[in-house]
């Protein structure tokens, strides 16, 4: 199994698992933003995960925009960023970018 396949599996798992929890809630309650935020911050542990997701997403977007021009392939693999937070959101987003970067690197290596 190639490295890009591992990244793709991580990306799919990172998409399916959270959606398996969110889609049933969405079907039951509809797009009720007030209820969503109330339940998201209902207790300290859920607030912890919410804040971790928000901060991780902001840091990841900033990190990619700041370093995007450095990568020779046009994509930035965020492997180092996976160690900055305990949140799975960083790993999931990082695995998507790592997958795209690895595909580009594989194509470049095949040409030479």
C-alpha atoms as a PDB file:
ATOM      1  CA  UNK A   1       0.000   0.000   0.000  1.00  0.00           C
ATOM      2  CA  UNK A   2       1.411   3.350  -1.029  1.00  0.00           C
ATOM      3  CA  UNK A   3       1.583   6.340   1.260  1.00  0.00           C
ATOM      4  CA  UNK A   4      -1.073   8.188  -0.724  1.00  0.00           C
ATOM      5  CA  UNK A   5      -3.486   5.304  -0.127  1.00  0.00           C
ATOM      6  CA  UNK A   6      -2.961   5.635   3.626  1.00  0.00           C
ATOM      7  CA  UNK A   7      -3.715   9.356   3.377  1.00  0.00           C
ATOM      8  CA  UNK A   8      -6.834   8.636   1.338  1.00  0.00           C
ATOM      9  CA  UNK A   9      -8.082   6.088   3.902  1.00  0.00           C
ATOM     10  CA  UNK A  10      -7.500   8.610   6.703  1.00  0.00           C
ATOM     11  CA  UNK A  11      -9.366  11.233   4.707  1.00  0.00           C
ATOM     12  CA  UNK A  12     -12.372   8.941   4.151  1.00  0.00           C
ATOM     13  CA  UNK A  13     -12.491   7.864   7.808  1.00  0.00           C
ATOM     14  CA  UNK A  14     -12.231  11.502   8.850  1.00  0.00           C
ATOM     15  CA  UNK A  15     -15.222  12.310   6.675  1.00  0.00           C
ATOM     16  CA  UNK A  16     -17.459   9.300   7.422  1.00  0.00           C
ATOM     17  CA  UNK A  17     -17.161   9.169  11.217  1.00  0.00           C
ATOM     18  CA  UNK A  18     -18.127  12.789  11.972  1.00  0.00           C
ATOM     19  CA  UNK A  19     -20.897  12.739   9.368  1.00  0.00           C
ATOM     20  CA  UNK A  20     -22.331   9.577  10.928  1.00  0.00           C
ATOM     21  CA  UNK A  21     -23.055  11.682  14.007  1.00  0.00           C
ATOM     22  CA  UNK A  22     -24.019  14.974  12.366  1.00  0.00           C
ATOM     23  CA  UNK A  23     -26.373  13.790   9.607  1.00  0.00           C
ATOM     24  CA  UNK A  24     -28.853  12.037  11.967  1.00  0.00           C
ATOM     25  CA  UNK A  25     -28.905  15.157  14.179  1.00  0.00           C
ATOM     26  CA  UNK A  26     -29.485  17.326  11.114  1.00  0.00           C
ATOM     27  CA  UNK A  27     -32.335  15.093   9.912  1.00  0.00           C
ATOM     28  CA  UNK A  28     -33.969  15.201  13.346  1.00  0.00           C
ATOM     29  CA  UNK A  29     -33.608  18.932  14.083  1.00  0.00           C
ATOM     30  CA  UNK A  30     -33.110  20.529  10.685  1.00  0.00           C
ATOM     31  CA  UNK A  31     -30.810  23.497  10.232  1.00  0.00           C
ATOM     32  CA  UNK A  32     -31.486  25.036  13.640  1.00  0.00           C
ATOM     33  CA  UNK A  33     -28.280  27.001  14.285  1.00  0.00           C
ATOM     34  CA  UNK A  34     -29.342  28.187  17.741  1.00  0.00           C
ATOM     35  CA  UNK A  35     -30.010  24.628  18.923  1.00  0.00           C
ATOM     36  CA  UNK A  36     -26.823  23.420  17.279  1.00  0.00           C
ATOM     37  CA  UNK A  37     -24.691  25.971  19.131  1.00  0.00           C
ATOM     38  CA  UNK A  38     -26.546  25.373  22.403  1.00  0.00           C
ATOM     39  CA  UNK A  39     -25.906  21.622  22.181  1.00  0.00           C
ATOM     40  CA  UNK A  40     -22.366  22.106  20.912  1.00  0.00           C
ATOM     41  CA  UNK A  41     -21.449  24.115  24.012  1.00  0.00           C
ATOM     42  CA  UNK A  42     -23.771  22.225  26.411  1.00  0.00           C
ATOM     43  CA  UNK A  43     -20.975  21.071  28.711  1.00  0.00           C
ATOM     44  CA  UNK A  44     -17.252  21.530  29.162  1.00  0.00           C
ATOM     45  CA  UNK A  45     -16.148  18.450  27.246  1.00  0.00           C
ATOM     46  CA  UNK A  46     -18.179  19.279  24.151  1.00  0.00           C
ATOM     47  CA  UNK A  47     -17.026  22.902  24.383  1.00  0.00           C
ATOM     48  CA  UNK A  48     -13.434  21.618  24.541  1.00  0.00           C
ATOM     49  CA  UNK A  49     -13.868  19.704  21.293  1.00  0.00           C
ATOM     50  CA  UNK A  50     -15.671  22.612  19.642  1.00  0.00           C
ATOM     51  CA  UNK A  51     -12.949  25.080  20.579  1.00  0.00           C
ATOM     52  CA  UNK A  52     -10.264  22.620  19.492  1.00  0.00           C
ATOM     53  CA  UNK A  53     -11.943  22.273  16.113  1.00  0.00           C
ATOM     54  CA  UNK A  54     -12.299  26.024  15.653  1.00  0.00           C
ATOM     55  CA  UNK A  55      -8.728  26.827  16.672  1.00  0.00           C
ATOM     56  CA  UNK A  56      -7.311  23.919  14.642  1.00  0.00           C
ATOM     57  CA  UNK A  57      -9.181  24.994  11.527  1.00  0.00           C
ATOM     58  CA  UNK A  58      -7.992  28.605  11.865  1.00  0.00           C
ATOM     59  CA  UNK A  59      -4.387  27.528  12.438  1.00  0.00           C
ATOM     60  CA  UNK A  60      -4.490  25.067   9.541  1.00  0.00           C
ATOM     61  CA  UNK A  61      -5.885  27.630   7.109  1.00  0.00           C
ATOM     62  CA  UNK A  62      -3.345  30.225   8.226  1.00  0.00           C
ATOM     63  CA  UNK A  63      -0.505  27.683   8.058  1.00  0.00           C
ATOM     64  CA  UNK A  64      -1.425  26.534   4.548  1.00  0.00           C
ATOM     65  CA  UNK A  65      -1.766  30.086   3.241  1.00  0.00           C
ATOM     66  CA  UNK A  66       1.523  31.108   4.843  1.00  0.00           C
ATOM     67  CA  UNK A  67       3.481  28.137   3.494  1.00  0.00           C
ATOM     68  CA  UNK A  68       1.693  27.326   0.219  1.00  0.00           C
ATOM     69  CA  UNK A  69       4.317  29.057  -1.913  1.00  0.00           C
ATOM     70  CA  UNK A  70       7.145  27.104  -0.289  1.00  0.00           C
ATOM     71  CA  UNK A  71       6.071  23.678  -1.525  1.00  0.00           C
ATOM     72  CA  UNK A  72       7.543  22.722  -4.871  1.00  0.00           C
ATOM     73  CA  UNK A  73       4.467  20.760  -5.969  1.00  0.00           C
ATOM     74  CA  UNK A  74       1.835  23.410  -5.278  1.00  0.00           C
ATOM     75  CA  UNK A  75       0.253  21.502  -2.404  1.00  0.00           C
ATOM     76  CA  UNK A  76       1.359  21.681   1.190  1.00  0.00           C
ATOM     77  CA  UNK A  77       1.394  18.442   3.181  1.00  0.00           C
ATOM     78  CA  UNK A  78       0.521  19.259   6.773  1.00  0.00           C
ATOM     79  CA  UNK A  79       2.181  16.311   8.442  1.00  0.00           C
ATOM     80  CA  UNK A  80       3.990  18.480  10.977  1.00  0.00           C
ATOM     81  CA  UNK A  81       0.768  20.256  11.854  1.00  0.00           C
ATOM     82  CA  UNK A  82      -0.794  16.975  13.019  1.00  0.00           C
ATOM     83  CA  UNK A  83       1.342  17.156  16.160  1.00  0.00           C
ATOM     84  CA  UNK A  84       0.192  20.642  17.183  1.00  0.00           C
ATOM     85  CA  UNK A  85      -3.249  19.695  18.437  1.00  0.00           C
ATOM     86  CA  UNK A  86      -5.039  16.708  19.873  1.00  0.00           C
ATOM     87  CA  UNK A  87      -8.017  17.433  17.631  1.00  0.00           C
ATOM     88  CA  UNK A  88      -8.899  14.976  14.917  1.00  0.00           C
ATOM     89  CA  UNK A  89      -9.898  17.930  12.743  1.00  0.00           C
ATOM     90  CA  UNK A  90      -6.270  18.830  12.152  1.00  0.00           C
ATOM     91  CA  UNK A  91      -5.414  15.252  11.304  1.00  0.00           C
ATOM     92  CA  UNK A  92      -8.375  14.924   8.955  1.00  0.00           C
ATOM     93  CA  UNK A  93      -7.610  18.174   7.118  1.00  0.00           C
ATOM     94  CA  UNK A  94      -3.912  17.433   7.171  1.00  0.00           C
ATOM     95  CA  UNK A  95      -4.455  13.993   5.669  1.00  0.00           C
ATOM     96  CA  UNK A  96      -6.384  15.501   2.756  1.00  0.00           C
ATOM     97  CA  UNK A  97      -3.567  17.904   1.947  1.00  0.00           C
ATOM     98  CA  UNK A  98      -0.964  15.175   2.479  1.00  0.00           C
ATOM     99  CA  UNK A  99      -2.857  12.938   0.055  1.00  0.00           C
ATOM    100  CA  UNK A 100      -2.955  15.649  -2.616  1.00  0.00           C
ATOM    101  CA  UNK A 101       0.697  16.443  -2.076  1.00  0.00           C
ATOM    102  CA  UNK A 102       1.669  12.761  -2.291  1.00  0.00           C
ATOM    103  CA  UNK A 103      -0.268  12.301  -5.543  1.00  0.00           C
ATOM    104  CA  UNK A 104       1.604  15.266  -7.004  1.00  0.00           C
ATOM    105  CA  UNK A 105       4.946  13.917  -5.792  1.00  0.00           C
ATOM    106  CA  UNK A 106       4.170  10.479  -7.260  1.00  0.00           C
ATOM    107  CA  UNK A 107       3.327  12.048 -10.626  1.00  0.00           C
ATOM    108  CA  UNK A 108       6.536  14.094 -10.548  1.00  0.00           C
ATOM    109  CA  UNK A 109       8.614  11.021  -9.693  1.00  0.00           C
ATOM    110  CA  UNK A 110       6.979   9.004 -12.479  1.00  0.00           C
ATOM    111  CA  UNK A 111       7.950  11.634 -15.067  1.00  0.00           C
ATOM    112  CA  UNK A 112      11.646  11.501 -14.165  1.00  0.00           C
END
